Amino acid sequence: QVSLVESGGGLVQPGGSLRLSCTAPGRTFSSFVVGWFRQAPGQERDSVAAIRSYEMNTYYADDVKSRFTISAVNAKNTVYLQMNDLKPEDTAVYYCAAQILGKAVSSYYSLDGYDYWGQGTQVTVSS
């Protein structure tokens, strides 16, 4: 079992930035793909970005790739999601998820591809 802990959410004005963190206490991410998803009220949970931290390959949803950056610091067992130029439509609960290495890249964008989930952190973009 892998426990994931997200942090860094909050209230920010449009155009602002936030950095979310995802850690797995006692575990290393080097043998996992870590993804970020988000779910707005009344909406489905959608993929935002993913990273294979052992080689730092990154994957993004089209609507965020110019504004969001996923990264990892393996020494800290932490994956980050840097979000810039935030818009009201970015308001959602953001979830960190992890999947065991070896699955197809298409699974990085799919809820079903992930084996472990965090509890989520709220991001609200509002003036």
Protein backbone atom coordinates (compact mmCIF):
# COMPACT_ATOMS: atom_id res chain seq x y z
CA GLN A 1 0.00 0.00 0.00
CA VAL A 2 1.24 3.48 -0.87
CA SER A 3 -0.11 6.51 0.95
CA LEU A 4 0.01 9.76 -0.97
CA VAL A 5 -0.17 13.18 0.64
CA GLU A 6 -0.91 16.35 -1.30
CA SER A 7 -0.28 19.88 -0.09
CA GLY A 8 -0.04 23.41 -1.40
CA GLY A 9 -3.61 24.15 -2.40
CA GLY A 10 -5.38 27.35 -1.50
CA LEU A 11 -7.07 30.48 -2.74
CA VAL A 12 -5.33 32.51 -5.43
CA GLN A 13 -6.34 35.37 -7.68
CA PRO A 14 -6.59 34.93 -11.46
CA GLY A 15 -3.15 35.16 -13.00
CA GLY A 16 -1.50 33.93 -9.85
CA SER A 17 0.57 30.82 -9.17
CA LEU A 18 0.54 27.86 -6.82
CA ARG A 19 2.82 24.88 -6.36
CA LEU A 20 1.30 21.61 -5.27
CA SER A 21 3.37 18.86 -3.67
CA CYS A 22 2.82 15.13 -3.51
CA THR A 23 4.80 12.89 -1.19
CA ALA A 24 4.67 9.22 -0.26
CA PRO A 25 6.01 8.92 3.27
CA GLY A 26 8.47 6.07 3.52
CA ARG A 27 8.40 5.29 -0.20
CA THR A 28 10.33 6.34 -3.26
CA PHE A 29 8.67 7.41 -6.49
CA SER A 30 11.42 5.99 -8.69
CA SER A 31 9.42 2.83 -9.39
CA PHE A 32 6.16 4.65 -10.07
CA VAL A 33 4.54 6.99 -12.53
CA VAL A 34 3.00 9.88 -10.60
CA GLY A 35 0.10 11.81 -12.01
CA TRP A 36 -1.97 14.82 -11.09
CA PHE A 37 -5.69 14.90 -11.73
CA ARG A 38 -8.33 17.48 -10.94
CA GLN A 39 -12.05 17.41 -10.34
CA ALA A 40 -14.26 20.48 -10.44
CA PRO A 41 -17.70 20.44 -8.79
CA GLY A 42 -20.11 18.39 -10.85
CA GLN A 43 -17.39 17.37 -13.28
CA GLU A 44 -15.42 14.24 -13.96
CA ARG A 45 -11.92 13.79 -12.63
CA ASP A 46 -9.52 14.70 -15.43
CA SER A 47 -5.84 14.16 -16.07
CA VAL A 48 -3.56 17.16 -15.69
CA ALA A 49 0.00 15.84 -15.91
CA ALA A 50 2.20 12.84 -15.18
CA ILE A 51 5.87 12.10 -14.68
CA ARG A 52 8.16 9.09 -14.79
CA SER A 53 10.53 10.39 -12.18
CA TYR A 54 13.36 7.92 -12.74
CA GLU A 55 13.95 9.49 -16.15
CA MET A 56 11.97 12.72 -15.71
CA ASN A 57 9.72 12.12 -18.72
CA THR A 58 6.65 14.33 -18.46
CA TYR A 59 3.17 14.21 -19.95
CA TYR A 60 0.50 16.94 -19.99
CA ALA A 61 -3.13 17.47 -20.83
CA ASP A 62 -3.44 19.89 -23.73
CA ASP A 63 -5.27 22.56 -21.78
CA VAL A 64 -2.52 23.04 -19.19
CA LYS A 65 0.77 22.29 -20.94
CA SER A 66 1.68 25.94 -21.47
CA ARG A 67 0.94 26.93 -17.85
CA PHE A 68 1.62 23.93 -15.62
CA THR A 69 4.88 22.11 -14.98
CA ILE A 70 5.26 18.74 -13.29
CA SER A 71 8.60 17.91 -11.74
CA ALA A 72 10.16 15.56 -9.21
CA VAL A 73 12.91 15.70 -6.65
CA ASN A 74 13.75 12.08 -6.09
CA ALA A 75 15.94 12.82 -3.10
CA LYS A 76 12.88 14.27 -1.39
CA ASN A 77 10.45 11.66 -2.75
CA THR A 78 8.31 14.56 -3.86
CA VAL A 79 6.48 15.39 -7.08
CA TYR A 80 5.46 18.97 -7.71
CA LEU A 81 2.88 20.64 -9.89
CA GLN A 82 3.77 24.26 -10.59
CA MET A 83 0.70 26.10 -11.80
CA ASN A 84 1.10 29.53 -13.35
CA ASP A 85 -1.35 32.02 -14.86
CA LEU A 86 -4.19 30.38 -13.02
CA LYS A 87 -7.72 30.88 -14.28
CA PRO A 88 -11.09 30.52 -12.54
CA GLU A 89 -11.67 27.36 -14.59
CA ASP A 90 -8.66 25.79 -12.88
CA THR A 91 -10.67 25.72 -9.66
CA ALA A 92 -10.91 22.10 -8.56
CA VAL A 93 -9.75 19.52 -6.08
CA TYR A 94 -6.35 18.33 -7.25
CA TYR A 95 -5.37 14.73 -6.67
CA CYS A 96 -2.03 13.01 -6.77
CA ALA A 97 -1.96 9.41 -7.96
CA ALA A 98 0.67 6.73 -8.51
CA GLN A 99 0.89 3.73 -10.77
CA ILE A 100 3.45 0.97 -10.86
CA LEU A 101 5.87 1.26 -13.77
CA GLY A 102 5.32 -0.86 -16.86
CA LYS A 103 1.92 0.26 -18.10
CA ALA A 104 1.26 1.89 -21.44
CA VAL A 105 1.67 5.66 -21.72
CA SER A 106 -2.03 5.94 -22.48
CA SER A 107 -2.70 4.81 -18.92
CA TYR A 108 -0.96 7.91 -17.58
CA TYR A 109 -4.06 9.92 -18.57
CA SER A 110 -6.62 7.43 -17.26
CA LEU A 111 -8.15 7.13 -13.81
CA ASP A 112 -8.10 3.36 -14.18
CA GLY A 113 -4.36 3.37 -14.80
CA TYR A 114 -3.52 4.37 -11.26
CA ASP A 115 -3.12 2.12 -8.28
CA TYR A 116 -2.95 4.65 -5.44
CA TRP A 117 -4.62 8.00 -4.76
CA GLY A 118 -4.23 10.86 -2.35
CA GLN A 119 -7.06 12.65 -0.60
CA GLY A 120 -6.83 15.78 -2.71
CA THR A 121 -6.12 19.45 -2.13
CA GLN A 122 -8.48 22.29 -2.99
CA VAL A 123 -7.39 24.98 -5.43
CA THR A 124 -9.67 27.97 -5.79
CA VAL A 125 -8.97 30.70 -8.33
CA SER A 126 -11.08 33.74 -7.63
CA SER A 127 -10.82 37.48 -7.26
